[in-house]
Protein backbone atom coordinates (compact mmCIF):
# COMPACT_ATOMS: atom_id res chain seq x y z
CA MET A 1 156.18 181.38 -22.74
CA GLU A 2 159.58 180.39 -21.41
CA ASN A 3 160.03 179.69 -17.71
CA ASP A 4 163.70 180.30 -16.97
CA ASP A 5 164.03 180.75 -13.23
CA LEU A 6 167.62 179.63 -13.21
CA PRO A 7 169.18 178.31 -9.99
CA ILE A 8 172.91 178.52 -9.35
CA GLY A 9 174.17 175.64 -11.49
CA GLN A 10 177.43 174.58 -9.83
CA LEU A 11 178.80 172.16 -7.28
CA LEU A 12 177.75 173.29 -3.81
CA THR A 13 178.61 172.12 -0.34
CA ARG A 14 175.69 171.20 1.85
CA ARG A 15 175.96 174.49 3.74
CA GLU A 16 176.08 176.47 0.48
CA ALA A 17 173.08 174.61 -0.89
CA LEU A 18 171.01 175.29 2.21
CA SER A 19 172.07 178.94 2.16
CA ALA A 20 171.05 179.26 -1.50
CA LEU A 21 167.69 177.66 -0.85
CA ALA A 22 167.03 180.07 1.98
CA VAL A 23 167.04 182.97 -0.47
CA THR A 24 165.65 181.37 -3.62
CA GLY A 25 162.71 179.37 -2.26
CA LEU A 26 161.87 176.40 -4.50
CA ALA A 27 164.94 174.98 -6.22
CA PHE A 28 165.99 171.67 -7.69
CA LEU A 29 169.40 170.16 -7.04
CA ALA A 30 171.29 167.14 -8.24
CA GLY A 31 170.92 164.03 -6.09
CA CYS A 32 173.43 163.43 -3.35
CA GLY A 33 175.17 160.24 -2.40
CA SER A 34 175.65 157.21 -4.60
CA ARG A 35 172.85 154.95 -5.77
CA LYS A 36 173.05 152.18 -8.31
CA SER A 37 170.30 151.48 -10.81
CA GLY A 38 169.89 147.85 -11.69
CA SER A 39 168.63 146.33 -14.92
CA ALA A 40 164.94 145.81 -15.56
CA ASP A 41 163.02 144.34 -18.49
CA SER A 42 166.36 143.39 -20.13
CA VAL A 43 167.24 147.09 -20.50
CA ALA A 44 170.69 147.98 -19.14
CA TYR A 45 170.43 151.10 -17.00
CA ALA A 46 173.40 153.20 -15.97
CA ALA A 47 174.70 153.66 -12.42
CA ALA A 48 174.73 157.08 -10.78
CA ARG A 49 177.81 158.28 -8.94
CA VAL A 50 177.71 161.68 -7.25
CA PRO A 51 180.31 162.75 -4.65
CA GLN A 52 179.13 162.53 -1.06
CA GLY A 53 178.27 165.83 0.61
CA THR A 54 177.69 167.86 -2.56
CA CYS A 55 174.66 169.04 -4.51
CA VAL A 56 174.52 170.34 -8.08
CA ALA A 57 171.98 173.04 -8.89
CA ARG A 58 169.93 172.43 -12.05
CA PRO A 59 168.25 175.18 -14.08
CA GLN A 60 164.65 175.16 -15.11
CA GLN A 61 163.89 175.62 -18.81
CA THR A 62 160.84 176.22 -20.94
CA GLU A 63 158.15 173.56 -21.16
CA GLY A 64 157.81 174.27 -24.87
CA PRO A 65 154.72 173.84 -27.05
CA TYR A 66 154.54 170.04 -27.08
CA PHE A 67 153.66 169.02 -23.53
CA VAL A 68 150.45 167.00 -23.33
CA ASP A 69 149.38 165.68 -19.93
CA GLU A 70 148.57 162.20 -21.23
CA LYS A 71 148.55 160.55 -17.79
CA LEU A 72 150.18 157.58 -19.50
CA ASN A 73 151.81 155.52 -16.76
CA ARG A 74 154.48 153.37 -18.40
CA SER A 75 158.22 152.79 -18.31
CA ASP A 76 158.73 151.81 -21.97
CA ILE A 77 157.56 154.82 -23.95
CA ARG A 78 158.71 153.66 -27.39
CA THR A 79 155.34 152.23 -28.39
CA ASP A 80 152.37 154.16 -29.76
CA PRO A 81 149.47 152.73 -27.72
CA THR A 82 147.06 153.68 -30.52
CA THR A 83 148.69 151.51 -33.20
CA GLY A 84 151.11 149.28 -31.29
CA GLU A 85 153.95 150.56 -33.49
CA VAL A 86 157.37 150.74 -31.81
CA LYS A 87 159.27 153.87 -32.79
CA PRO A 88 162.62 152.97 -34.37
CA GLY A 89 165.84 154.39 -32.99
CA ALA A 90 168.81 153.65 -30.78
CA LEU A 91 167.65 152.35 -27.40
CA LEU A 92 168.17 154.82 -24.57
CA ALA A 93 167.77 153.56 -20.99
CA LEU A 94 167.09 156.74 -19.05
CA THR A 95 167.17 156.78 -15.24
CA PHE A 96 166.12 159.66 -13.01
CA ASN A 97 167.44 159.74 -9.44
CA VAL A 98 165.12 162.20 -7.70
CA SER A 99 165.94 163.46 -4.22
CA THR A 100 164.68 166.06 -1.80
CA LEU A 101 166.81 168.50 0.16
CA THR A 102 165.94 168.45 3.85
CA ALA A 103 167.46 170.37 6.72
CA ASN A 104 170.45 168.07 6.97
CA SER A 105 170.81 166.00 3.82
CA CYS A 106 169.61 165.02 0.38
CA ALA A 107 167.28 162.04 0.68
CA PRO A 108 165.48 159.94 -1.98
CA LEU A 109 162.14 161.41 -2.99
CA ALA A 110 159.51 158.70 -3.33
CA ASN A 111 156.13 159.07 -5.07
CA ALA A 112 157.16 161.93 -7.35
CA THR A 113 155.71 161.88 -10.87
CA VAL A 114 158.31 162.16 -13.64
CA ASP A 115 156.95 162.96 -17.10
CA VAL A 116 159.10 162.55 -20.21
CA TRP A 117 158.34 163.56 -23.80
CA HIS A 118 160.49 164.07 -26.90
CA CYS A 119 160.57 163.81 -30.67
CA ASP A 120 161.21 160.65 -32.69
CA ALA A 121 164.17 159.95 -34.97
CA GLU A 122 162.65 162.22 -37.63
CA GLY A 123 162.01 165.13 -35.28
CA VAL A 124 158.25 164.54 -34.87
CA TYR A 125 156.29 164.77 -31.61
CA SER A 126 153.15 162.77 -30.91
CA ASP A 127 149.63 164.06 -30.21
CA VAL A 128 150.11 167.58 -31.55
CA ASP A 129 148.98 169.56 -34.58
CA ASP A 130 152.08 171.30 -35.87
CA PRO A 131 152.63 173.19 -39.15
CA GLY A 132 154.94 170.35 -40.23
CA PHE A 133 152.88 167.37 -39.02
CA ASN A 134 149.62 166.31 -37.39
CA THR A 135 149.94 163.39 -34.96
CA ARG A 136 146.78 163.94 -32.95
CA GLY A 137 145.63 160.74 -31.28
CA HIS A 138 149.09 159.14 -31.23
CA ARG A 139 151.09 158.96 -28.00
CA PHE A 140 154.53 157.62 -28.83
CA LEU A 141 157.53 158.76 -26.80
CA ARG A 142 155.42 160.06 -23.95
CA GLY A 143 154.80 158.71 -20.47
CA TYR A 144 155.38 159.07 -16.79
CA GLN A 145 156.71 157.02 -13.91
CA VAL A 146 156.35 157.44 -10.15
CA THR A 147 159.62 157.31 -8.25
CA ASP A 148 160.14 154.30 -6.02
CA ALA A 149 161.33 154.26 -2.41
CA ASN A 150 164.85 155.07 -3.63
CA GLY A 151 163.69 158.05 -5.67
CA VAL A 152 164.30 156.22 -8.95
CA ALA A 153 162.22 156.38 -12.13
CA ARG A 154 163.32 154.49 -15.26
CA PHE A 155 162.34 154.86 -18.89
CA ALA A 156 163.12 152.79 -21.96
CA THR A 157 163.01 155.15 -24.92
CA ILE A 158 164.99 156.00 -28.03
CA TYR A 159 167.76 158.50 -28.50
CA PRO A 160 165.91 161.59 -29.77
CA GLY A 161 166.30 162.95 -33.27
CA TRP A 162 166.40 166.62 -34.16
CA TYR A 163 164.37 169.28 -35.91
CA SER A 164 165.10 172.72 -37.27
CA GLY A 165 165.81 175.41 -34.70
CA ARG A 166 166.67 173.19 -31.74
CA ALA A 167 169.56 171.16 -30.42
CA VAL A 168 168.88 167.51 -29.53
CA HIS A 169 166.91 167.37 -26.28
CA ILE A 170 164.39 165.57 -24.06
CA HIS A 171 161.72 167.39 -22.07
CA PHE A 172 160.89 166.37 -18.51
CA LYS A 173 158.64 167.51 -15.70
CA ILE A 174 158.79 166.43 -12.04
CA ARG A 175 155.78 166.83 -9.80
CA SER A 176 156.12 165.97 -6.15
CA ALA A 177 153.36 164.10 -4.35
CA MET A 178 150.64 166.41 -3.13
CA THR A 179 150.74 166.93 0.63
CA ALA A 180 148.26 168.48 3.02
CA THR A 181 149.68 171.87 1.99
CA ARG A 182 150.91 171.83 -1.61
CA GLY A 183 153.07 170.01 -4.13
CA SER A 184 155.96 171.27 -6.24
CA GLU A 185 156.58 171.21 -9.97
CA PHE A 186 159.79 171.54 -11.97
CA THR A 187 160.15 171.57 -15.75
CA SER A 188 163.34 171.46 -17.77
CA GLN A 189 165.18 169.74 -20.61
CA ILE A 190 167.99 167.21 -20.97
CA TYR A 191 170.71 167.63 -23.57
CA PHE A 192 173.48 165.46 -25.02
CA ASP A 193 177.10 166.00 -25.94
CA ASP A 194 177.43 167.08 -29.59
CA ALA A 195 179.94 164.33 -30.34
CA MET A 196 177.52 161.72 -29.00
CA ASN A 197 174.74 163.18 -31.14
CA ASP A 198 177.00 162.91 -34.20
CA ARG A 199 177.79 159.31 -33.37
CA VAL A 200 174.20 158.21 -32.87
CA HIS A 201 172.72 160.21 -35.73
CA SER A 202 175.20 158.81 -38.24
CA ASN A 203 173.18 155.58 -38.31
CA PRO A 204 169.63 154.79 -39.51
CA PRO A 205 166.86 155.60 -38.83
CA TYR A 206 168.24 159.04 -38.11
CA ARG A 207 168.45 161.52 -40.93
CA ALA A 208 172.13 161.07 -41.66
CA GLU A 209 171.63 162.46 -45.16
CA ASP A 210 170.61 165.80 -43.62
CA ARG A 211 173.31 167.55 -41.65
CA ARG A 212 171.98 168.49 -38.21
CA SER A 213 171.38 172.20 -38.52
CA MET A 214 171.96 173.23 -34.90
CA ARG A 215 174.51 172.26 -32.31
CA ASN A 216 174.20 172.95 -28.60
CA ALA A 217 176.03 176.28 -28.51
CA GLU A 218 173.81 177.65 -31.30
CA ASP A 219 170.54 176.87 -29.48
CA GLY A 220 169.21 179.91 -27.63
CA ILE A 221 167.47 177.75 -25.03
CA PHE A 222 170.55 175.61 -24.45
CA ARG A 223 172.61 178.77 -23.94
CA ARG A 224 170.50 179.47 -20.85
CA ASN A 225 172.62 177.11 -18.72
CA GLY A 226 171.95 174.03 -20.83
CA SER A 227 175.51 172.89 -20.22
CA GLN A 228 174.33 171.99 -16.70
CA LEU A 229 171.66 169.70 -18.16
CA ILE A 230 173.79 167.43 -20.33
CA LEU A 231 173.12 163.74 -19.71
CA PRO A 232 176.23 161.53 -19.36
CA VAL A 233 175.64 158.68 -21.80
CA SER A 234 177.44 155.34 -21.98
CA SER A 235 177.18 152.48 -24.45
CA THR A 236 175.49 149.25 -23.42
CA VAL A 237 175.12 145.87 -25.11
CA ASN A 238 171.85 146.98 -26.71
CA GLY A 239 172.11 150.75 -26.99
CA TYR A 240 172.86 153.60 -24.62
CA ALA A 241 172.17 154.46 -20.99
CA GLY A 242 172.31 157.56 -18.84
CA THR A 243 171.38 158.66 -15.32
CA PHE A 244 170.15 162.13 -14.42
CA ASN A 245 170.41 163.18 -10.77
CA ILE A 246 168.11 165.90 -9.50
CA ALA A 247 166.56 166.86 -6.17
CA LEU A 248 164.08 169.42 -4.96
CA LYS A 249 163.71 171.38 -1.78
CA SER A 250 161.11 169.84 0.48
CA ALA A 251 157.92 171.90 0.30
């Protein structure tokens, strides 16, 4: 079942953000301030630049049928731990900047769990039994990281492929650290510019011989404010990199 509690989805001043949160309860917002992500493990990560004093609301979207809580703590999710095989595809260095909205500011959110899962270059997910494939027991392109003191979680993965009925996307879930009262959970999806998809998918191992059947505007899930979830992607010496800024209201 889809979970589409959609926050506002626009640039907000601090006062507007706090006012919106007062009436909506739990909400996730883009990170405030400017934080740079350095390189790690020879993967070039992008730098995040968000104007001071603003927040950007992000919509929740459906978890979909392929979430498996693997509890697989790793930054490089390209490898299948069962076989040791590295999934082929264009390297994508994905950085999450996770923040929390307090009474006066957006501040880095440490110790939040960020789960990521997506299909491979051929549109296949791991560890599921699907009408088109059975990958039970394999765990490629899945994993989680815990945000550091700066609210940063980094993943080395591949640029996702596509499958019939969906635009190109990555699923993610953010769970805040449990407190004495309760934790918070947010689930959504990341999308990519159509032109960037065309560029990446024109090369092996992506299915260049098959024209991608669905672009963003044709995807019913993307049309539910997916334009606010597009990841800015830049080229690096060894692939691509992007930073996604998001923050949640302190529980």
